[in-house]
Amino acid sequence: MPIDDLDTLERKLVKRGFRREDGYYHECADCHEQAIRKYVLSGRTGGRDISICEACGKSRSWRSGAGFEAREEDTSFDLRVFVG
Protein backbone atom coordinates (compact mmCIF):
# COMPACT_ATOMS: atom_id res chain seq x y z
CA MET A 1 0.00 0.00 0.00
CA PRO A 2 1.52 3.37 -0.98
CA ILE A 3 2.44 5.83 1.76
CA ASP A 4 -0.05 8.71 1.70
CA ASP A 5 1.97 11.04 3.96
CA LEU A 6 5.42 10.56 2.44
CA ASP A 7 6.18 14.30 2.42
CA THR A 8 5.51 14.50 6.16
CA LEU A 9 7.71 11.49 6.87
CA GLU A 10 10.47 12.96 4.71
CA ARG A 11 10.34 16.28 6.60
CA LYS A 12 10.66 14.40 9.89
CA LEU A 13 13.65 12.46 8.57
CA VAL A 14 15.34 15.71 7.47
CA LYS A 15 14.77 17.15 10.97
CA ARG A 16 16.58 14.10 12.36
CA GLY A 17 19.58 14.81 10.11
CA PHE A 18 18.87 12.45 7.23
CA ARG A 19 19.32 13.44 3.62
CA ARG A 20 18.26 11.81 0.38
CA GLU A 21 21.17 9.75 -0.92
CA ASP A 22 20.47 10.55 -4.57
CA GLY A 23 17.65 11.67 -6.83
CA TYR A 24 17.18 8.24 -8.39
CA TYR A 25 14.53 5.66 -7.62
CA HIS A 26 15.83 2.18 -6.92
CA GLU A 27 14.14 -1.21 -7.37
CA CYS A 28 12.13 -2.52 -4.43
CA ALA A 29 13.00 -6.09 -3.42
CA ASP A 30 9.39 -6.72 -2.39
CA CYS A 31 7.26 -5.31 -5.24
CA HIS A 32 9.99 -4.97 -7.93
CA GLU A 33 8.97 -1.40 -8.84
CA GLN A 34 11.48 1.43 -9.37
CA ALA A 35 10.09 3.32 -6.38
CA ILE A 36 12.67 3.21 -3.55
CA ARG A 37 13.86 6.46 -2.01
CA LYS A 38 17.09 6.09 -0.02
CA TYR A 39 18.04 8.28 2.95
CA VAL A 40 21.37 8.31 4.78
CA LEU A 41 22.71 9.57 8.08
CA SER A 42 26.41 9.50 8.84
CA GLY A 43 27.93 10.30 12.15
CA ARG A 44 31.27 10.01 13.86
CA THR A 45 30.34 6.69 15.47
CA GLY A 46 28.38 4.99 12.71
CA GLY A 47 25.39 5.60 10.52
CA ARG A 48 21.97 4.52 9.36
CA ASP A 49 20.43 4.03 5.92
CA ILE A 50 16.67 4.01 5.36
CA SER A 51 14.83 2.96 2.22
CA ILE A 52 11.16 3.72 1.60
CA CYS A 53 9.15 2.29 -1.29
CA GLU A 54 6.60 4.70 -2.74
CA ALA A 55 4.74 1.86 -4.46
CA CYS A 56 4.19 -0.73 -1.70
CA GLY A 57 5.00 1.32 1.42
CA LYS A 58 7.72 -1.03 2.72
CA SER A 59 10.46 0.68 4.71
CA ARG A 60 13.75 -0.89 5.76
CA SER A 61 16.74 0.30 7.72
CA TRP A 62 20.39 -0.69 8.05
CA ARG A 63 22.85 0.36 10.74
CA SER A 64 26.62 0.43 10.70
CA GLY A 65 28.91 0.64 13.67
CA ALA A 66 31.93 2.81 14.26
CA GLY A 67 34.29 2.76 11.29
CA PHE A 68 31.53 1.61 8.92
CA GLU A 69 32.91 -1.96 8.79
CA ALA A 70 29.61 -3.78 8.35
CA ARG A 71 25.97 -2.89 7.83
CA GLU A 72 23.25 -4.89 9.55
CA GLU A 73 19.56 -4.71 8.72
CA ASP A 74 17.40 -3.53 11.59
CA THR A 75 14.66 -6.15 11.19
CA SER A 76 12.41 -4.58 13.84
CA PHE A 77 12.50 -1.14 12.16
CA ASP A 78 9.20 0.75 12.07
CA LEU A 79 9.43 4.07 10.21
CA ARG A 80 6.44 5.67 11.94
CA VAL A 81 7.78 4.80 15.41
CA PHE A 82 11.28 5.98 14.40
CA VAL A 83 10.16 9.44 13.24
CA GLY A 84 7.33 9.72 15.78
PDB file of N, CA and C in Angstrom:
ATOM      1  N   MET A   1       0.846  -1.175   0.000  1.00  0.00           N
ATOM      2  CA  MET A   1       0.000   0.000   0.000  1.00  0.00           C
ATOM      3  C   MET A   1       0.897   1.246   0.000  1.00  0.00           C
ATOM      4  N   PRO A   2       0.704   2.158  -0.926  1.00  0.00           N
ATOM      5  CA  PRO A   2       1.518   3.373  -0.981  1.00  0.00           C
ATOM      6  C   PRO A   2       1.389   4.208   0.296  1.00  0.00           C
ATOM      7  N   ILE A   3       2.429   4.956   0.581  1.00  0.00           N
ATOM      8  CA  ILE A   3       2.437   5.826   1.755  1.00  0.00           C
ATOM      9  C   ILE A   3       1.781   7.142   1.378  1.00  0.00           C
ATOM     10  N   ASP A   4       0.694   7.496   2.054  1.00  0.00           N
ATOM     11  CA  ASP A   4      -0.046   8.707   1.696  1.00  0.00           C
ATOM     12  C   ASP A   4       0.548   9.974   2.301  1.00  0.00           C
ATOM     13  N   ASP A   5       1.377   9.861   3.327  1.00  0.00           N
ATOM     14  CA  ASP A   5       1.968  11.041   3.962  1.00  0.00           C
ATOM     15  C   ASP A   5       3.494  11.035   3.833  1.00  0.00           C
ATOM     16  N   LEU A   6       3.982  10.664   2.665  1.00  0.00           N
ATOM     17  CA  LEU A   6       5.418  10.555   2.437  1.00  0.00           C
ATOM     18  C   LEU A   6       6.139  11.880   2.650  1.00  0.00           C
ATOM     19  N   ASP A   7       5.548  12.989   2.239  1.00  0.00           N
ATOM     20  CA  ASP A   7       6.184  14.296   2.420  1.00  0.00           C
ATOM     21  C   ASP A   7       6.379  14.618   3.900  1.00  0.00           C
ATOM     22  N   THR A   8       5.400  14.278   4.720  1.00  0.00           N
ATOM     23  CA  THR A   8       5.506  14.504   6.158  1.00  0.00           C
ATOM     24  C   THR A   8       6.614  13.644   6.762  1.00  0.00           C
ATOM     25  N   LEU A   9       6.669  12.383   6.373  1.00  0.00           N
ATOM     26  CA  LEU A   9       7.712  11.490   6.872  1.00  0.00           C
ATOM     27  C   LEU A   9       9.091  11.971   6.440  1.00  0.00           C
ATOM     28  N   GLU A  10       9.188  12.462   5.202  1.00  0.00           N
ATOM     29  CA  GLU A  10      10.470  12.960   4.706  1.00  0.00           C
ATOM     30  C   GLU A  10      10.918  14.196   5.494  1.00  0.00           C
ATOM     31  N   ARG A  11       9.997  15.095   5.802  1.00  0.00           N
ATOM     32  CA  ARG A  11      10.343  16.280   6.604  1.00  0.00           C
ATOM     33  C   ARG A  11      10.856  15.880   7.988  1.00  0.00           C
ATOM     34  N   LYS A  12      10.226  14.872   8.574  1.00  0.00           N
ATOM     35  CA  LYS A  12      10.656  14.403   9.888  1.00  0.00           C
ATOM     36  C   LYS A  12      12.038  13.759   9.822  1.00  0.00           C
ATOM     37  N   LEU A  13      12.323  13.045   8.742  1.00  0.00           N
ATOM     38  CA  LEU A  13      13.655  12.463   8.569  1.00  0.00           C
ATOM     39  C   LEU A  13      14.712  13.553   8.423  1.00  0.00           C
ATOM     40  N   VAL A  14      14.397  14.594   7.660  1.00  0.00           N
ATOM     41  CA  VAL A  14      15.339  15.706   7.472  1.00  0.00           C
ATOM     42  C   VAL A  14      15.615  16.393   8.813  1.00  0.00           C
ATOM     43  N   LYS A  15      14.577  16.556   9.636  1.00  0.00           N
ATOM     44  CA  LYS A  15      14.771  17.152  10.965  1.00  0.00           C
ATOM     45  C   LYS A  15      15.700  16.309  11.835  1.00  0.00           C
ATOM     46  N   ARG A  16      15.718  15.000  11.605  1.00  0.00           N
ATOM     47  CA  ARG A  16      16.583  14.102  12.364  1.00  0.00           C
ATOM     48  C   ARG A  16      17.988  14.023  11.769  1.00  0.00           C
ATOM     49  N   GLY A  17      18.244  14.765  10.693  1.00  0.00           N
ATOM     50  CA  GLY A  17      19.579  14.807  10.114  1.00  0.00           C
ATOM     51  C   GLY A  17      19.784  13.930   8.893  1.00  0.00           C
ATOM     52  N   PHE A  18      18.751  13.290   8.416  1.00  0.00           N
ATOM     53  CA  PHE A  18      18.873  12.448   7.227  1.00  0.00           C
ATOM     54  C   PHE A  18      18.804  13.307   5.974  1.00  0.00           C
ATOM     55  N   ARG A  19      19.408  12.792   4.919  1.00  0.00           N
ATOM     56  CA  ARG A  19      19.318  13.445   3.618  1.00  0.00           C
ATOM     57  C   ARG A  19      19.096  12.357   2.578  1.00  0.00           C
ATOM     58  N   ARG A  20      18.498  12.754   1.477  1.00  0.00           N
ATOM     59  CA  ARG A  20      18.259  11.806   0.382  1.00  0.00           C
ATOM     60  C   ARG A  20      19.600  11.470  -0.245  1.00  0.00           C
ATOM     61  N   GLU A  21      19.878  10.189  -0.403  1.00  0.00           N
ATOM     62  CA  GLU A  21      21.173   9.752  -0.920  1.00  0.00           C
ATOM     63  C   GLU A  21      21.398  10.214  -2.350  1.00  0.00           C
ATOM     64  N   ASP A  22      20.379  10.107  -3.185  1.00  0.00           N
ATOM     65  CA  ASP A  22      20.473  10.548  -4.572  1.00  0.00           C
ATOM     66  C   ASP A  22      19.059  10.806  -5.092  1.00  0.00           C
ATOM     67  N   GLY A  23      18.958  11.348  -6.264  1.00  0.00           N
ATOM     68  CA  GLY A  23      17.653  11.672  -6.832  1.00  0.00           C
ATOM     69  C   GLY A  23      17.011  10.527  -7.595  1.00  0.00           C
ATOM     70  N   TYR A  24      17.684   9.378  -7.621  1.00  0.00           N
ATOM     71  CA  TYR A  24      17.181   8.240  -8.385  1.00  0.00           C
ATOM     72  C   TYR A  24      16.222   7.396  -7.557  1.00  0.00           C
ATOM     73  N   TYR A  25      15.385   6.655  -8.254  1.00  0.00           N
ATOM     74  CA  TYR A  25      14.529   5.663  -7.616  1.00  0.00           C
ATOM     75  C   TYR A  25      15.142   4.297  -7.874  1.00  0.00           C
ATOM     76  N   HIS A  26      15.215   3.486  -6.825  1.00  0.00           N
ATOM     77  CA  HIS A  26      15.832   2.177  -6.916  1.00  0.00           C
ATOM     78  C   HIS A  26      14.751   1.096  -6.894  1.00  0.00           C
ATOM     79  N   GLU A  27      15.114  -0.117  -7.306  1.00  0.00           N
ATOM     80  CA  GLU A  27      14.142  -1.208  -7.367  1.00  0.00           C
ATOM     81  C   GLU A  27      13.854  -1.766  -5.979  1.00  0.00           C
ATOM     82  N   CYS A  28      12.589  -1.953  -5.700  1.00  0.00           N
ATOM     83  CA  CYS A  28      12.128  -2.520  -4.435  1.00  0.00           C
ATOM     84  C   CYS A  28      12.259  -4.043  -4.495  1.00  0.00           C
ATOM     85  N   ALA A  29      12.845  -4.636  -3.477  1.00  0.00           N
ATOM     86  CA  ALA A  29      13.004  -6.088  -3.424  1.00  0.00           C
ATOM     87  C   ALA A  29      11.669  -6.793  -3.212  1.00  0.00           C
ATOM     88  N   ASP A  30      10.679  -6.095  -2.669  1.00  0.00           N
ATOM     89  CA  ASP A  30       9.389  -6.717  -2.386  1.00  0.00           C
ATOM     90  C   ASP A  30       8.420  -6.650  -3.571  1.00  0.00           C
ATOM     91  N   CYS A  31       8.247  -5.452  -4.156  1.00  0.00           N
ATOM     92  CA  CYS A  31       7.256  -5.306  -5.235  1.00  0.00           C
ATOM     93  C   CYS A  31       7.893  -5.158  -6.619  1.00  0.00           C
ATOM     94  N   HIS A  32       9.230  -5.044  -6.677  1.00  0.00           N
ATOM     95  CA  HIS A  32       9.994  -4.968  -7.931  1.00  0.00           C
ATOM     96  C   HIS A  32       9.686  -3.726  -8.769  1.00  0.00           C
ATOM     97  N   GLU A  33       9.193  -2.676  -8.155  1.00  0.00           N
ATOM     98  CA  GLU A  33       8.969  -1.395  -8.837  1.00  0.00           C
ATOM     99  C   GLU A  33      10.184  -0.493  -8.615  1.00  0.00           C
ATOM    100  N   GLN A  34      10.433   0.414  -9.525  1.00  0.00           N
ATOM    101  CA  GLN A  34      11.478   1.429  -9.367  1.00  0.00           C
ATOM    102  C   GLN A  34      10.881   2.556  -8.525  1.00  0.00           C
ATOM    103  N   ALA A  35      10.791   2.365  -7.226  1.00  0.00           N
ATOM    104  CA  ALA A  35      10.086   3.320  -6.375  1.00  0.00           C
ATOM    105  C   ALA A  35      10.746   3.535  -5.021  1.00  0.00           C
ATOM    106  N   ILE A  36      11.984   3.075  -4.840  1.00  0.00           N
ATOM    107  CA  ILE A  36      12.672   3.206  -3.553  1.00  0.00           C
ATOM    108  C   ILE A  36      13.390   4.542  -3.454  1.00  0.00           C
ATOM    109  N   ARG A  37      13.095   5.266  -2.381  1.00  0.00           N
ATOM    110  CA  ARG A  37      13.859   6.458  -2.006  1.00  0.00           C
ATOM    111  C   ARG A  37      14.824   6.036  -0.907  1.00  0.00           C
ATOM    112  N   LYS A  38      16.089   6.450  -1.017  1.00  0.00           N
ATOM    113  CA  LYS A  38      17.088   6.091  -0.017  1.00  0.00           C
ATOM    114  C   LYS A  38      17.534   7.337   0.737  1.00  0.00           C
ATOM    115  N   TYR A  39      17.611   7.202   2.060  1.00  0.00           N
ATOM    116  CA  TYR A  39      18.037   8.282   2.947  1.00  0.00           C
ATOM    117  C   TYR A  39      19.221   7.794   3.765  1.00  0.00           C
ATOM    118  N   VAL A  40      20.173   8.688   4.037  1.00  0.00           N
ATOM    119  CA  VAL A  40      21.369   8.311   4.783  1.00  0.00           C
ATOM    120  C   VAL A  40      21.623   9.297   5.917  1.00  0.00           C
ATOM    121  N   LEU A  41      22.262   8.782   6.945  1.00  0.00           N
ATOM    122  CA  LEU A  41      22.715   9.574   8.080  1.00  0.00           C
ATOM    123  C   LEU A  41      24.075   9.043   8.469  1.00  0.00           C
ATOM    124  N   SER A  42      25.070   9.902   8.454  1.00  0.00           N
ATOM    125  CA  SER A  42      26.410   9.500   8.835  1.00  0.00           C
ATOM    126  C   SER A  42      26.854  10.316  10.036  1.00  0.00           C
ATOM    127  N   GLY A  43      27.428   9.638  10.966  1.00  0.00           N
ATOM    128  CA  GLY A  43      27.929  10.305  12.153  1.00  0.00           C
ATOM    129  C   GLY A  43      29.338   9.844  12.449  1.00  0.00           C
ATOM    130  N   ARG A  44      29.904  10.379  13.505  1.00  0.00           N
ATOM    131  CA  ARG A  44      31.272  10.008  13.856  1.00  0.00           C
ATOM    132  C   ARG A  44      31.360   8.570  14.345  1.00  0.00           C
ATOM    133  N   THR A  45      30.279   8.037  14.899  1.00  0.00           N
ATOM    134  CA  THR A  45      30.343   6.694  15.469  1.00  0.00           C
ATOM    135  C   THR A  45      29.495   5.679  14.708  1.00  0.00           C
ATOM    136  N   GLY A  46      29.164   5.946  13.490  1.00  0.00           N
ATOM    137  CA  GLY A  46      28.377   4.994  12.707  1.00  0.00           C
ATOM    138  C   GLY A  46      27.376   5.714  11.840  1.00  0.00           C
ATOM    139  N   GLY A  47      26.382   4.984  11.380  1.00  0.00           N
ATOM    140  CA  GLY A  47      25.390   5.603  10.521  1.00  0.00           C
ATOM    141  C   GLY A  47      24.170   4.729  10.357  1.00  0.00           C
ATOM    142  N   ARG A  48      23.208   5.253   9.627  1.00  0.00           N
ATOM    143  CA  ARG A  48      21.969   4.520   9.364  1.00  0.00           C
ATOM    144  C   ARG A  48      21.512   4.871   7.959  1.00  0.00           C
ATOM    145  N   ASP A  49      21.025   3.853   7.241  1.00  0.00           N
ATOM    146  CA  ASP A  49      20.428   4.029   5.923  1.00  0.00           C
ATOM    147  C   ASP A  49      18.971   3.608   6.033  1.00  0.00           C
ATOM    148  N   ILE A  50      18.092   4.342   5.376  1.00  0.00           N
ATOM    149  CA  ILE A  50      16.669   4.008   5.357  1.00  0.00           C
ATOM    150  C   ILE A  50      16.207   4.011   3.916  1.00  0.00           C
ATOM    151  N   SER A  51      15.437   2.989   3.552  1.00  0.00           N
ATOM    152  CA  SER A  51      14.834   2.964   2.222  1.00  0.00           C
ATOM    153  C   SER A  51      13.329   2.896   2.393  1.00  0.00           C
ATOM    154  N   ILE A  52      12.620   3.661   1.563  1.00  0.00           N
ATOM    155  CA  ILE A  52      11.161   3.722   1.601  1.00  0.00           C
ATOM    156  C   ILE A  52      10.651   3.505   0.184  1.00  0.00           C
ATOM    157  N   CYS A  53       9.739   2.550   0.023  1.00  0.00           N
ATOM    158  CA  CYS A  53       9.149   2.288  -1.293  1.00  0.00           C
ATOM    159  C   CYS A  53       7.862   3.088  -1.434  1.00  0.00           C
ATOM    160  N   GLU A  54       7.806   3.910  -2.464  1.00  0.00           N
ATOM    161  CA  GLU A  54       6.602   4.699  -2.736  1.00  0.00           C
ATOM    162  C   GLU A  54       5.457   3.831  -3.247  1.00  0.00           C
ATOM    163  N   ALA A  55       5.771   2.702  -3.847  1.00  0.00           N
ATOM    164  CA  ALA A  55       4.737   1.860  -4.456  1.00  0.00           C
ATOM    165  C   ALA A  55       4.034   0.965  -3.435  1.00  0.00           C
ATOM    166  N   CYS A  56       4.810   0.227  -2.629  1.00  0.00           N
ATOM    167  CA  CYS A  56       4.191  -0.726  -1.704  1.00  0.00           C
ATOM    168  C   CYS A  56       4.210  -0.269  -0.251  1.00  0.00           C
ATOM    169  N   GLY A  57       4.974   0.784   0.062  1.00  0.00           N
ATOM    170  CA  GLY A  57       5.001   1.316   1.422  1.00  0.00           C
ATOM    171  C   GLY A  57       5.994   0.659   2.351  1.00  0.00           C
ATOM    172  N   LYS A  58       6.746  -0.322   1.881  1.00  0.00           N
ATOM    173  CA  LYS A  58       7.721  -1.025   2.720  1.00  0.00           C
ATOM    174  C   LYS A  58       8.891  -0.103   3.042  1.00  0.00           C
ATOM    175  N   SER A  59       9.275  -0.073   4.323  1.00  0.00           N
ATOM    176  CA  SER A  59      10.461   0.684   4.712  1.00  0.00           C
ATOM    177  C   SER A  59      11.419  -0.257   5.422  1.00  0.00           C
ATOM    178  N   ARG A  60      12.697  -0.054   5.167  1.00  0.00           N
ATOM    179  CA  ARG A  60      13.747  -0.887   5.761  1.00  0.00           C
ATOM    180  C   ARG A  60      14.861   0.019   6.230  1.00  0.00           C
ATOM    181  N   SER A  61      15.649  -0.490   7.182  1.00  0.00           N
ATOM    182  CA  SER A  61      16.742   0.298   7.719  1.00  0.00           C
ATOM    183  C   SER A  61      17.949  -0.595   7.969  1.00  0.00           C
ATOM    184  N   TRP A  62      19.134  -0.014   7.775  1.00  0.00           N
ATOM    185  CA  TRP A  62      20.394  -0.689   8.047  1.00  0.00           C
ATOM    186  C   TRP A  62      21.224   0.214   8.932  1.00  0.00           C
ATOM    187  N   ARG A  63      21.956  -0.392   9.857  1.00  0.00           N
ATOM    188  CA  ARG A  63      22.845   0.361  10.741  1.00  0.00           C
ATOM    189  C   ARG A  63      24.269  -0.113  10.533  1.00  0.00           C
ATOM    190  N   SER A  64      25.204   0.803  10.726  1.00  0.00           N
ATOM    191  CA  SER A  64      26.615   0.435  10.701  1.00  0.00           C
ATOM    192  C   SER A  64      27.266   0.986  11.951  1.00  0.00           C
ATOM    193  N   GLY A  65      28.213   0.240  12.459  1.00  0.00           N
ATOM    194  CA  GLY A  65      28.911   0.641  13.669  1.00  0.00           C
ATOM    195  C   GLY A  65      30.032   1.609  13.376  1.00  0.00           C
ATOM    196  N   ALA A  66      30.798   1.896  14.406  1.00  0.00           N
ATOM    197  CA  ALA A  66      31.933   2.809  14.262  1.00  0.00           C
ATOM    198  C   ALA A  66      32.888   2.273  13.204  1.00  0.00           C
ATOM    199  N   GLY A  67      33.362   3.147  12.347  1.00  0.00           N
ATOM    200  CA  GLY A  67      34.285   2.764  11.292  1.00  0.00           C
ATOM    201  C   GLY A  67      33.607   2.228  10.047  1.00  0.00           C
ATOM    202  N   PHE A  68      32.307   2.064  10.075  1.00  0.00           N
ATOM    203  CA  PHE A  68      31.526   1.612   8.920  1.00  0.00           C
ATOM    204  C   PHE A  68      31.995   0.259   8.376  1.00  0.00           C
ATOM    205  N   GLU A  69      32.432  -0.660   9.270  1.00  0.00           N
ATOM    206  CA  GLU A  69      32.909  -1.957   8.794  1.00  0.00           C
ATOM    207  C   GLU A  69      31.799  -2.791   8.178  1.00  0.00           C
ATOM    208  N   ALA A  70      30.682  -2.908   8.848  1.00  0.00           N
ATOM    209  CA  ALA A  70      29.615  -3.778   8.353  1.00  0.00           C
ATOM    210  C   ALA A  70      28.258  -3.137   8.596  1.00  0.00           C
ATOM    211  N   ARG A  71      27.348  -3.385   7.670  1.00  0.00           N
ATOM    212  CA  ARG A  71      25.973  -2.891   7.831  1.00  0.00           C
ATOM    213  C   ARG A  71      25.097  -4.071   8.200  1.00  0.00           C
ATOM    214  N   GLU A  72      24.197  -3.851   9.147  1.00  0.00           N
ATOM    215  CA  GLU A  72      23.254  -4.886   9.553  1.00  0.00           C
ATOM    216  C   GLU A  72      21.848  -4.337   9.403  1.00  0.00           C
ATOM    217  N   GLU A  73      20.949  -5.155   8.850  1.00  0.00           N
ATOM    218  CA  GLU A  73      19.564  -4.706   8.715  1.00  0.00           C
ATOM    219  C   GLU A  73      18.892  -4.712  10.077  1.00  0.00           C
ATOM    220  N   ASP A  74      18.188  -3.654  10.361  1.00  0.00           N
ATOM    221  CA  ASP A  74      17.401  -3.533  11.588  1.00  0.00           C
ATOM    222  C   ASP A  74      16.036  -4.140  11.281  1.00  0.00           C
ATOM    223  N   THR A  75      15.866  -5.426  11.583  1.00  0.00           N
ATOM    224  CA  THR A  75      14.660  -6.155  11.185  1.00  0.00           C
ATOM    225  C   THR A  75      13.414  -5.706  11.939  1.00  0.00           C
ATOM    226  N   SER A  76      13.580  -5.048  13.073  1.00  0.00           N
ATOM    227  CA  SER A  76      12.415  -4.580  13.841  1.00  0.00           C
ATOM    228  C   SER A  76      12.089  -3.112  13.548  1.00  0.00           C
ATOM    229  N   PHE A  77      12.670  -2.562  12.485  1.00  0.00           N
ATOM    230  CA  PHE A  77      12.504  -1.144  12.159  1.00  0.00           C
ATOM    231  C   PHE A  77      11.063  -0.826  11.768  1.00  0.00           C
ATOM    232  N   ASP A  78      10.536   0.229  12.382  1.00  0.00           N
ATOM    233  CA  ASP A  78       9.198   0.748  12.065  1.00  0.00           C
ATOM    234  C   ASP A  78       9.372   2.241  11.811  1.00  0.00           C
ATOM    235  N   LEU A  79       9.185   2.673  10.588  1.00  0.00           N
ATOM    236  CA  LEU A  79       9.428   4.067  10.205  1.00  0.00           C
ATOM    237  C   LEU A  79       8.597   5.038  11.019  1.00  0.00           C
ATOM    238  N   ARG A  80       7.332   4.745  11.216  1.00  0.00           N
ATOM    239  CA  ARG A  80       6.442   5.668  11.945  1.00  0.00           C
ATOM    240  C   ARG A  80       6.856   5.803  13.412  1.00  0.00           C
ATOM    241  N   VAL A  81       7.296   4.738  14.025  1.00  0.00           N
ATOM    242  CA  VAL A  81       7.781   4.803  15.407  1.00  0.00           C
ATOM    243  C   VAL A  81       9.097   5.575  15.443  1.00  0.00           C
ATOM    244  N   PHE A  82       9.963   5.334  14.451  1.00  0.00           N
ATOM    245  CA  PHE A  82      11.277   5.978  14.401  1.00  0.00           C
ATOM    246  C   PHE A  82      11.163   7.504  14.290  1.00  0.00           C
ATOM    247  N   VAL A  83      10.281   7.990  13.422  1.00  0.00           N
ATOM    248  CA  VAL A  83      10.161   9.444  13.240  1.00  0.00           C
ATOM    249  C   VAL A  83       9.187  10.077  14.219  1.00  0.00           C
ATOM    250  N   GLY A  84       8.358   9.255  14.871  1.00  0.00           N
ATOM    251  CA  GLY A  84       7.329   9.722  15.777  1.00  0.00           C
ATOM    252  C   GLY A  84       7.798  10.595  16.841  1.00  0.00           C
TER     253      GLY A  84
END
